[in-house]
Amino acid sequence: MATGYPKPPPAPKFTHTPESIIKETNRLIATSRQLQDQIAKGVTPETANFENVLKPLAEDENEMGLDTAILGFYQYVSTDKALRDASSEAERLLDVSTFPPFFV
């Protein structure tokens, strides 16, 4: 008998290495920048609307949310200094990458 409730997402995995944290961070940043570039190139002020500007940006931010939280979590809980340092660097990279497209 179906309950009608959606299946919950899988539990996050905390299996990163210092190298994989930085690699994943750079991938997230590149994907987000690619979307921003695509919107900037393909949308004019006359054609801009919720569906082709705000919705894709909000969906991107939502997709990145869990991943970035996990990548930043290590700096607070890991006993491995290299993992903590990589997590701190990932957070710094994400912070730096968040603002330039809108404030340059």
Protein backbone atom coordinates (compact mmCIF):
# COMPACT_ATOMS: atom_id res chain seq x y z
CA MET A 1 0.00 0.00 0.00
CA ALA A 2 1.49 3.33 -1.09
CA THR A 3 1.50 6.13 1.46
CA GLY A 4 1.81 8.94 -1.05
CA TYR A 5 4.92 10.32 0.63
CA PRO A 6 7.97 10.94 -1.56
CA LYS A 7 11.02 8.80 -1.00
CA PRO A 8 13.58 10.72 1.07
CA PRO A 9 16.91 11.55 -0.54
CA PRO A 10 19.89 9.36 0.32
CA ALA A 11 21.92 10.31 3.37
CA PRO A 12 24.99 12.42 2.61
CA LYS A 13 28.33 10.64 2.48
CA PHE A 14 31.33 12.05 4.28
CA THR A 15 34.08 10.29 2.33
CA HIS A 16 35.97 13.21 0.81
CA THR A 17 39.71 13.64 0.69
CA PRO A 18 41.41 17.05 0.75
CA GLU A 19 41.94 16.77 -3.01
CA SER A 20 38.35 15.75 -3.72
CA ILE A 21 37.00 18.66 -1.67
CA ILE A 22 38.88 21.19 -3.81
CA LYS A 23 38.04 19.33 -7.03
CA GLU A 24 34.32 19.21 -6.16
CA THR A 25 34.36 22.86 -5.14
CA ASN A 26 35.91 23.88 -8.45
CA ARG A 27 33.34 21.77 -10.32
CA LEU A 28 30.45 23.44 -8.48
CA ILE A 29 31.87 26.90 -9.17
CA ALA A 30 32.42 26.12 -12.86
CA THR A 31 28.90 24.74 -13.27
CA SER A 32 27.38 27.79 -11.61
CA ARG A 33 29.48 30.21 -13.67
CA GLN A 34 28.52 28.37 -16.85
CA LEU A 35 24.84 28.87 -16.01
CA GLN A 36 25.39 32.55 -15.22
CA ASP A 37 27.28 33.04 -18.50
CA GLN A 38 24.53 31.25 -20.42
CA ILE A 39 21.89 33.54 -18.90
CA ALA A 40 23.97 36.66 -19.51
CA LYS A 41 24.54 35.74 -23.17
CA GLY A 42 21.05 34.54 -23.94
CA VAL A 43 18.76 36.90 -22.06
CA THR A 44 18.24 40.58 -22.73
CA PRO A 45 16.46 43.04 -20.44
CA GLU A 46 13.48 42.81 -22.77
CA THR A 47 13.28 39.01 -22.61
CA ALA A 48 14.22 38.56 -18.95
CA ASN A 49 11.59 36.98 -16.75
CA PHE A 50 11.27 34.66 -13.79
CA GLU A 51 11.45 31.49 -15.89
CA ASN A 52 14.64 32.29 -17.78
CA VAL A 53 16.62 34.19 -15.12
CA LEU A 54 15.51 33.76 -11.53
CA LYS A 55 14.28 30.19 -11.66
CA PRO A 56 17.50 28.71 -13.15
CA LEU A 57 19.62 30.69 -10.66
CA ALA A 58 17.46 29.57 -7.72
CA GLU A 59 17.57 25.95 -8.88
CA ASP A 60 21.36 26.15 -9.20
CA GLU A 61 21.68 27.58 -5.71
CA ASN A 62 19.41 24.86 -4.35
CA GLU A 63 21.40 22.12 -6.09
CA MET A 64 24.65 23.49 -4.69
CA GLY A 65 23.27 23.87 -1.17
CA LEU A 66 23.73 20.34 0.15
CA ASP A 67 27.09 19.83 -1.56
CA THR A 68 28.55 23.08 -0.27
CA ALA A 69 27.26 22.40 3.24
CA ILE A 70 28.99 19.03 3.26
CA LEU A 71 32.21 20.45 1.84
CA GLY A 72 32.24 23.15 4.52
CA PHE A 73 31.27 20.79 7.33
CA TYR A 74 34.65 19.09 7.49
CA GLN A 75 36.37 22.21 8.79
CA TYR A 76 34.35 21.94 12.00
CA VAL A 77 34.42 18.21 12.69
CA SER A 78 37.34 16.47 11.01
CA THR A 79 40.30 15.27 13.06
CA ASP A 80 42.44 15.46 9.91
CA LYS A 81 44.10 18.88 9.61
CA ALA A 82 44.51 18.57 5.83
CA LEU A 83 40.79 17.87 5.47
CA ARG A 84 39.91 20.84 7.71
CA ASP A 85 42.21 23.11 5.73
CA ALA A 86 40.79 21.93 2.39
CA SER A 87 37.27 22.50 3.70
CA SER A 88 38.17 26.03 4.80
CA GLU A 89 39.74 26.71 1.40
CA ALA A 90 36.62 25.35 -0.33
CA GLU A 91 34.46 27.74 1.66
CA ARG A 92 36.76 30.63 0.79
CA LEU A 93 36.64 29.72 -2.92
CA LEU A 94 32.86 29.53 -2.83
CA ASP A 95 32.61 32.89 -1.06
CA VAL A 96 34.89 34.58 -3.57
CA SER A 97 33.05 33.04 -6.52
CA THR A 98 29.61 34.04 -5.27
CA PHE A 99 29.95 37.80 -5.53
CA PRO A 100 32.02 38.82 -8.59
CA PRO A 101 29.46 38.02 -11.32
CA PHE A 102 26.98 40.45 -9.79
CA PHE A 103 29.23 43.17 -8.38
CA VAL A 104 32.03 43.62 -10.92
